[in-house]
């Protein structure tokens, strides 16, 4: 009964931070922001645009985020739980370069609000406490 268990790393150890700037018209962020609370998902990055004449995204410091990475914070402001429109408003509010905290998405059922709701629905409701006389 002495099997060795492989210890999993906590997701906080996988958080990446980078500073991103973009070349293009003001307010045109050089990456797609997808997901959002209205879709039952956390905000995540779509593709990074690298087309001339558009809002080209360039990484100033840190490792470049990958498409699909979950967006946790923008300049220290938490964006998980915000709608897509609100997340874009937070990004546009700050001057460049902006600091992004991202993490690669997990594969479990709790990777979105919808998945979390499904897990919580399966839980048994708490038993009511009887009042003693």
N, C-alpha and C. Protein backbone atom coordinates (compact mmCIF):
# COMPACT_ATOMS: atom_id res chain seq x y z
N UNK A 1 0.80 -1.19 0.00
CA UNK A 1 0.00 0.00 0.00
C UNK A 1 0.85 1.26 0.00
N UNK A 2 2.06 1.11 -0.37
CA UNK A 2 2.96 2.27 -0.36
C UNK A 2 3.23 2.76 -1.79
N UNK A 3 2.17 3.02 -2.48
CA UNK A 3 2.31 3.57 -3.83
C UNK A 3 2.71 5.03 -3.72
N UNK A 4 3.60 5.43 -4.58
CA UNK A 4 3.99 6.84 -4.58
C UNK A 4 3.00 7.62 -5.41
N UNK A 5 2.53 8.70 -4.85
CA UNK A 5 1.58 9.56 -5.55
C UNK A 5 2.32 10.70 -6.21
N UNK A 6 1.96 10.98 -7.43
CA UNK A 6 2.56 12.10 -8.15
C UNK A 6 1.88 13.38 -7.69
N UNK A 7 2.66 14.28 -7.14
CA UNK A 7 2.10 15.52 -6.63
C UNK A 7 1.89 16.49 -7.78
N UNK A 8 0.67 17.02 -7.88
CA UNK A 8 0.34 17.97 -8.94
C UNK A 8 0.70 19.37 -8.50
N UNK A 9 1.14 20.17 -9.45
CA UNK A 9 1.44 21.56 -9.17
C UNK A 9 0.14 22.36 -9.13
N UNK A 10 0.07 23.31 -8.23
CA UNK A 10 -1.10 24.17 -8.15
C UNK A 10 -1.08 25.12 -9.34
N UNK A 11 -2.27 25.51 -9.82
CA UNK A 11 -2.35 26.34 -11.02
C UNK A 11 -1.73 27.71 -10.80
N UNK A 12 -1.63 28.18 -9.56
CA UNK A 12 -1.02 29.49 -9.31
C UNK A 12 0.46 29.51 -9.70
N UNK A 13 1.10 28.34 -9.69
CA UNK A 13 2.51 28.29 -10.08
C UNK A 13 2.68 28.44 -11.59
N UNK A 14 1.57 28.37 -12.35
CA UNK A 14 1.63 28.45 -13.80
C UNK A 14 1.18 29.80 -14.35
N UNK A 15 0.94 30.78 -13.46
CA UNK A 15 0.51 32.10 -13.90
C UNK A 15 1.67 32.81 -14.57
N UNK A 16 1.42 33.41 -15.74
CA UNK A 16 2.44 34.15 -16.49
C UNK A 16 2.07 35.62 -16.50
N UNK A 17 3.08 36.46 -16.41
CA UNK A 17 2.85 37.90 -16.47
C UNK A 17 3.68 38.47 -17.60
N UNK A 18 3.09 39.39 -18.35
CA UNK A 18 3.82 40.04 -19.43
C UNK A 18 3.29 41.46 -19.60
N UNK A 19 4.09 42.29 -20.22
CA UNK A 19 3.68 43.65 -20.56
C UNK A 19 3.50 43.70 -22.07
N UNK A 20 2.35 44.20 -22.50
CA UNK A 20 1.98 44.19 -23.91
C UNK A 20 1.70 45.62 -24.37
N UNK A 21 2.18 45.93 -25.56
CA UNK A 21 1.89 47.21 -26.20
C UNK A 21 1.38 46.90 -27.60
N UNK A 22 0.79 47.87 -28.25
CA UNK A 22 0.30 47.64 -29.61
C UNK A 22 0.52 48.88 -30.46
N UNK A 23 0.75 48.62 -31.72
CA UNK A 23 0.94 49.71 -32.69
C UNK A 23 -0.31 49.77 -33.54
N UNK A 24 -0.92 50.89 -33.57
CA UNK A 24 -2.15 51.04 -34.34
C UNK A 24 -2.99 52.14 -33.76
N UNK A 25 -4.24 52.25 -34.20
CA UNK A 25 -5.10 53.30 -33.69
C UNK A 25 -5.34 53.15 -32.19
N UNK A 26 -5.47 54.27 -31.46
CA UNK A 26 -5.73 54.18 -30.03
C UNK A 26 -7.03 53.44 -29.74
N UNK A 27 -7.01 52.62 -28.73
CA UNK A 27 -8.20 51.86 -28.36
C UNK A 27 -8.34 50.56 -29.11
N UNK A 28 -7.50 50.31 -30.11
CA UNK A 28 -7.56 49.05 -30.85
C UNK A 28 -6.52 48.12 -30.26
N UNK A 29 -6.94 47.27 -29.37
CA UNK A 29 -6.05 46.31 -28.72
C UNK A 29 -5.64 45.27 -29.75
N UNK A 30 -4.37 44.92 -29.78
CA UNK A 30 -3.86 44.04 -30.82
C UNK A 30 -4.10 42.57 -30.59
N UNK A 31 -5.12 42.22 -29.84
CA UNK A 31 -5.47 40.81 -29.62
C UNK A 31 -6.97 40.71 -29.46
N UNK A 32 -7.51 39.57 -29.81
CA UNK A 32 -8.94 39.33 -29.60
C UNK A 32 -9.15 38.90 -28.15
N UNK A 33 -10.20 39.42 -27.55
CA UNK A 33 -10.60 38.95 -26.23
C UNK A 33 -11.90 38.19 -26.44
N UNK A 34 -11.92 36.96 -26.04
CA UNK A 34 -13.09 36.10 -26.24
C UNK A 34 -13.63 35.66 -24.90
N UNK A 35 -14.74 34.95 -24.92
CA UNK A 35 -15.35 34.46 -23.69
C UNK A 35 -16.04 35.58 -22.94
N UNK A 36 -16.14 35.45 -21.64
CA UNK A 36 -16.79 36.45 -20.82
C UNK A 36 -17.95 35.83 -20.05
N UNK A 37 -18.39 36.54 -19.01
CA UNK A 37 -19.43 36.02 -18.14
C UNK A 37 -20.75 35.79 -18.87
N UNK A 38 -21.02 36.58 -19.91
CA UNK A 38 -22.29 36.41 -20.62
C UNK A 38 -22.34 35.08 -21.38
N UNK A 39 -21.18 34.48 -21.61
CA UNK A 39 -21.13 33.18 -22.29
C UNK A 39 -20.84 32.05 -21.32
N UNK A 40 -20.73 32.38 -20.03
CA UNK A 40 -20.44 31.34 -19.03
C UNK A 40 -18.99 30.91 -19.05
N UNK A 41 -18.10 31.79 -19.51
CA UNK A 41 -16.67 31.46 -19.60
C UNK A 41 -15.85 32.57 -18.97
N UNK A 42 -14.63 32.24 -18.62
CA UNK A 42 -13.69 33.27 -18.20
C UNK A 42 -13.20 33.99 -19.46
N UNK A 43 -12.82 35.26 -19.35
CA UNK A 43 -12.25 35.94 -20.52
C UNK A 43 -10.94 35.26 -20.92
N UNK A 44 -10.74 35.06 -22.21
CA UNK A 44 -9.50 34.46 -22.67
C UNK A 44 -9.05 35.14 -23.95
N UNK A 45 -7.77 34.97 -24.25
CA UNK A 45 -7.18 35.62 -25.42
C UNK A 45 -7.48 34.82 -26.68
N UNK A 46 -7.86 35.53 -27.71
CA UNK A 46 -7.99 34.93 -29.03
C UNK A 46 -6.64 35.05 -29.73
N UNK A 47 -6.67 35.20 -31.03
CA UNK A 47 -5.40 35.30 -31.74
C UNK A 47 -4.78 36.69 -31.55
N UNK A 48 -3.46 36.73 -31.55
CA UNK A 48 -2.74 38.00 -31.49
C UNK A 48 -2.56 38.49 -32.91
N UNK A 49 -2.98 39.72 -33.16
CA UNK A 49 -2.91 40.27 -34.52
C UNK A 49 -1.50 40.75 -34.83
N UNK A 50 -1.04 40.40 -35.99
CA UNK A 50 0.28 40.83 -36.45
C UNK A 50 0.20 41.34 -37.88
N UNK A 51 -0.91 41.94 -38.23
CA UNK A 51 -1.08 42.42 -39.60
C UNK A 51 -0.68 43.89 -39.69
N UNK A 52 -0.03 44.29 -40.76
CA UNK A 52 0.35 45.69 -40.91
C UNK A 52 -0.88 46.58 -41.09
N UNK A 53 -0.84 47.76 -40.48
CA UNK A 53 -1.94 48.70 -40.59
C UNK A 53 -3.00 48.51 -39.53
N UNK A 54 -3.04 47.35 -38.89
CA UNK A 54 -4.02 47.10 -37.84
C UNK A 54 -3.35 47.26 -36.48
N UNK A 55 -4.04 46.88 -35.44
CA UNK A 55 -3.49 46.95 -34.10
C UNK A 55 -2.57 45.78 -33.85
N UNK A 56 -1.28 45.95 -34.14
CA UNK A 56 -0.32 44.87 -33.98
C UNK A 56 0.11 44.77 -32.53
N UNK A 57 0.00 43.58 -31.96
CA UNK A 57 0.33 43.35 -30.56
C UNK A 57 1.81 42.97 -30.45
N UNK A 58 2.55 43.66 -29.57
CA UNK A 58 3.95 43.29 -29.36
C UNK A 58 4.21 43.22 -27.86
N UNK A 59 4.97 42.22 -27.47
CA UNK A 59 5.28 41.98 -26.06
C UNK A 59 6.50 42.81 -25.69
N UNK A 60 6.35 43.64 -24.64
CA UNK A 60 7.44 44.49 -24.18
C UNK A 60 8.33 43.73 -23.21
N UNK A 61 7.74 42.99 -22.29
CA UNK A 61 8.52 42.18 -21.35
C UNK A 61 7.74 40.94 -20.99
N UNK A 62 8.46 39.90 -20.61
CA UNK A 62 7.83 38.64 -20.25
C UNK A 62 7.62 37.76 -21.46
N UNK A 63 7.00 36.60 -21.20
CA UNK A 63 6.72 35.64 -22.27
C UNK A 63 5.39 35.99 -22.94
N UNK A 64 5.37 35.89 -24.24
CA UNK A 64 4.15 36.21 -25.00
C UNK A 64 3.04 35.24 -24.64
N UNK A 65 1.82 35.76 -24.39
CA UNK A 65 0.70 34.86 -24.10
C UNK A 65 0.28 34.11 -25.36
N UNK A 66 -0.25 32.93 -25.17
CA UNK A 66 -0.72 32.11 -26.29
C UNK A 66 -2.22 32.30 -26.48
N UNK A 67 -2.71 32.14 -27.69
CA UNK A 67 -4.16 32.17 -27.88
C UNK A 67 -4.81 31.07 -27.03
N UNK A 68 -5.89 31.43 -26.36
CA UNK A 68 -6.57 30.47 -25.49
C UNK A 68 -6.23 30.63 -24.03
N UNK A 69 -5.19 31.41 -23.70
CA UNK A 69 -4.84 31.62 -22.30
C UNK A 69 -5.93 32.42 -21.59
N UNK A 70 -6.25 32.00 -20.37
CA UNK A 70 -7.27 32.68 -19.58
C UNK A 70 -6.69 33.97 -19.02
N UNK A 71 -7.42 35.05 -19.17
CA UNK A 71 -6.99 36.37 -18.70
C UNK A 71 -7.45 36.55 -17.25
N UNK A 72 -6.48 36.72 -16.34
CA UNK A 72 -6.79 36.87 -14.92
C UNK A 72 -6.83 38.32 -14.49
N UNK A 73 -5.80 39.09 -14.87
CA UNK A 73 -5.69 40.48 -14.44
C UNK A 73 -5.17 41.36 -15.56
N UNK A 74 -5.59 42.62 -15.53
CA UNK A 74 -5.07 43.65 -16.43
C UNK A 74 -4.58 44.78 -15.54
N UNK A 75 -3.28 45.01 -15.50
CA UNK A 75 -2.68 46.03 -14.63
C UNK A 75 -3.15 45.91 -13.19
N UNK A 76 -3.23 44.70 -12.69
CA UNK A 76 -3.62 44.47 -11.31
C UNK A 76 -5.12 44.45 -11.06
N UNK A 77 -5.93 44.72 -12.07
CA UNK A 77 -7.39 44.69 -11.93
C UNK A 77 -7.90 43.31 -12.34
N UNK A 78 -8.54 42.58 -11.42
CA UNK A 78 -9.06 41.26 -11.79
C UNK A 78 -10.17 41.37 -12.82
N UNK A 79 -10.12 40.54 -13.85
CA UNK A 79 -11.14 40.57 -14.90
C UNK A 79 -11.91 39.26 -14.99
N UNK A 80 -11.56 38.26 -14.19
CA UNK A 80 -12.32 37.01 -14.21
C UNK A 80 -13.70 37.30 -13.65
N UNK A 81 -14.72 36.89 -14.36
CA UNK A 81 -16.09 37.16 -13.95
C UNK A 81 -16.71 38.36 -14.65
N UNK A 82 -15.92 39.09 -15.44
CA UNK A 82 -16.46 40.23 -16.17
C UNK A 82 -16.97 39.78 -17.54
N UNK A 83 -17.87 40.56 -18.09
CA UNK A 83 -18.33 40.30 -19.45
C UNK A 83 -17.22 40.69 -20.42
N UNK A 84 -17.38 40.27 -21.66
CA UNK A 84 -16.39 40.60 -22.68
C UNK A 84 -16.28 42.10 -22.85
N UNK A 85 -17.39 42.77 -22.89
CA UNK A 85 -17.41 44.23 -23.08
C UNK A 85 -16.72 44.95 -21.91
N UNK A 86 -16.97 44.49 -20.68
CA UNK A 86 -16.33 45.10 -19.52
C UNK A 86 -14.83 44.84 -19.50
N UNK A 87 -14.42 43.65 -19.93
CA UNK A 87 -12.99 43.34 -19.99
C UNK A 87 -12.29 44.25 -20.98
N UNK A 88 -12.90 44.48 -22.15
CA UNK A 88 -12.32 45.39 -23.13
C UNK A 88 -12.27 46.82 -22.60
N UNK A 89 -13.28 47.22 -21.82
CA UNK A 89 -13.29 48.56 -21.24
C UNK A 89 -12.14 48.72 -20.24
N UNK A 90 -11.85 47.68 -19.46
CA UNK A 90 -10.73 47.74 -18.51
C UNK A 90 -9.42 47.87 -19.28
N UNK A 91 -9.27 47.13 -20.36
CA UNK A 91 -8.03 47.19 -21.16
C UNK A 91 -7.86 48.58 -21.77
N UNK A 92 -8.93 49.14 -22.30
CA UNK A 92 -8.85 50.47 -22.93
C UNK A 92 -8.61 51.59 -21.93
N UNK A 93 -8.97 51.35 -20.68
CA UNK A 93 -8.84 52.37 -19.64
C UNK A 93 -7.37 52.71 -19.33
N UNK A 94 -6.50 51.72 -19.42
CA UNK A 94 -5.10 51.91 -19.05
C UNK A 94 -4.25 52.34 -20.25
N UNK A 95 -3.20 53.07 -19.93
CA UNK A 95 -2.23 53.46 -20.97
C UNK A 95 -1.32 52.27 -21.27
N UNK A 96 -0.71 52.32 -22.44
CA UNK A 96 0.22 51.26 -22.81
C UNK A 96 1.55 51.49 -22.11
N UNK A 97 2.34 50.48 -21.93
CA UNK A 97 2.04 49.05 -22.07
C UNK A 97 1.19 48.59 -20.88
N UNK A 98 0.39 47.58 -21.11
CA UNK A 98 -0.43 47.03 -20.04
C UNK A 98 0.16 45.70 -19.59
N UNK A 99 0.02 45.41 -18.30
CA UNK A 99 0.49 44.15 -17.74
C UNK A 99 -0.66 43.16 -17.71
N UNK A 100 -0.44 42.00 -18.29
CA UNK A 100 -1.45 40.95 -18.32
C UNK A 100 -0.99 39.78 -17.48
N UNK A 101 -1.88 39.25 -16.66
CA UNK A 101 -1.63 37.98 -15.98
C UNK A 101 -2.53 36.95 -16.62
N UNK A 102 -1.91 35.90 -17.13
CA UNK A 102 -2.65 34.86 -17.81
C UNK A 102 -2.25 33.50 -17.27
N UNK A 103 -3.07 32.50 -17.55
CA UNK A 103 -2.76 31.12 -17.19
C UNK A 103 -3.34 30.23 -18.28
N UNK A 104 -2.66 29.13 -18.55
CA UNK A 104 -3.17 28.18 -19.54
C UNK A 104 -4.45 27.56 -18.99
N UNK A 105 -5.45 27.35 -19.84
CA UNK A 105 -6.72 26.78 -19.35
C UNK A 105 -6.53 25.33 -18.91
N UNK A 106 -7.31 24.95 -17.93
CA UNK A 106 -7.28 23.56 -17.46
C UNK A 106 -8.16 22.69 -18.33
N UNK A 107 -8.21 21.41 -17.98
CA UNK A 107 -9.01 20.48 -18.77
C UNK A 107 -10.17 19.90 -17.98
N UNK A 108 -10.29 20.26 -16.71
CA UNK A 108 -11.34 19.71 -15.86
C UNK A 108 -12.68 20.38 -16.09
N UNK A 109 -13.71 19.91 -15.37
CA UNK A 109 -15.05 20.47 -15.55
C UNK A 109 -15.20 21.87 -14.97
N UNK A 110 -14.25 22.35 -14.19
CA UNK A 110 -14.37 23.67 -13.56
C UNK A 110 -13.65 24.75 -14.34
N UNK A 111 -13.45 24.58 -15.63
CA UNK A 111 -12.72 25.55 -16.42
C UNK A 111 -13.58 26.71 -16.88
N UNK A 112 -14.85 26.67 -16.62
CA UNK A 112 -15.73 27.77 -16.98
C UNK A 112 -16.79 27.91 -15.92
N UNK A 113 -17.52 29.01 -15.96
CA UNK A 113 -18.60 29.19 -15.00
C UNK A 113 -19.64 28.10 -15.18
N UNK A 114 -19.92 27.73 -16.43
CA UNK A 114 -20.92 26.70 -16.69
C UNK A 114 -20.47 25.36 -16.10
N UNK A 115 -19.19 25.05 -16.23
CA UNK A 115 -18.66 23.82 -15.66
C UNK A 115 -18.71 23.84 -14.15
N UNK A 116 -18.42 24.98 -13.57
CA UNK A 116 -18.46 25.11 -12.11
C UNK A 116 -19.89 24.95 -11.61
N UNK A 117 -20.85 25.53 -12.35
CA UNK A 117 -22.25 25.39 -11.96
C UNK A 117 -22.70 23.94 -12.00
N UNK A 118 -22.24 23.20 -13.01
CA UNK A 118 -22.61 21.79 -13.13
C UNK A 118 -22.04 20.98 -11.96
N UNK A 119 -20.83 21.32 -11.55
CA UNK A 119 -20.22 20.61 -10.42
C UNK A 119 -20.97 20.94 -9.14
N UNK A 120 -21.32 22.21 -8.94
CA UNK A 120 -22.02 22.60 -7.73
C UNK A 120 -23.43 22.00 -7.65
N UNK A 121 -24.09 21.81 -8.81
CA UNK A 121 -25.42 21.22 -8.81
C UNK A 121 -25.39 19.76 -8.37
N UNK A 122 -24.30 19.07 -8.63
CA UNK A 122 -24.19 17.65 -8.28
C UNK A 122 -23.97 17.45 -6.78
N UNK A 123 -23.55 18.48 -6.09
CA UNK A 123 -23.30 18.36 -4.66
C UNK A 123 -24.62 18.20 -3.92
N UNK A 124 -24.57 17.48 -2.84
CA UNK A 124 -25.75 17.29 -2.02
C UNK A 124 -26.04 18.56 -1.23
N UNK A 125 -27.30 18.94 -1.11
CA UNK A 125 -27.61 20.12 -0.30
C UNK A 125 -27.31 19.83 1.17
N UNK A 126 -26.92 20.84 1.92
CA UNK A 126 -26.61 20.62 3.32
C UNK A 126 -27.88 20.19 4.09
N UNK A 127 -27.70 19.31 5.04
CA UNK A 127 -28.84 18.89 5.84
C UNK A 127 -29.16 19.98 6.85
N UNK A 128 -30.43 20.30 7.01
CA UNK A 128 -30.79 21.36 7.95
C UNK A 128 -30.53 20.90 9.38
N UNK A 129 -30.06 21.81 10.19
CA UNK A 129 -29.81 21.50 11.59
C UNK A 129 -31.11 21.60 12.37
N UNK A 130 -31.35 20.62 13.19
CA UNK A 130 -32.55 20.66 14.01
C UNK A 130 -32.24 21.43 15.29
N UNK A 131 -33.17 22.23 15.65
CA UNK A 131 -33.03 23.03 16.85
C UNK A 131 -33.37 22.16 18.06
N UNK A 132 -32.49 22.19 19.02
CA UNK A 132 -32.73 21.40 20.23
C UNK A 132 -33.62 22.16 21.19
N UNK A 133 -34.48 21.41 21.87
CA UNK A 133 -35.39 22.05 22.82
C UNK A 133 -34.84 22.02 24.23
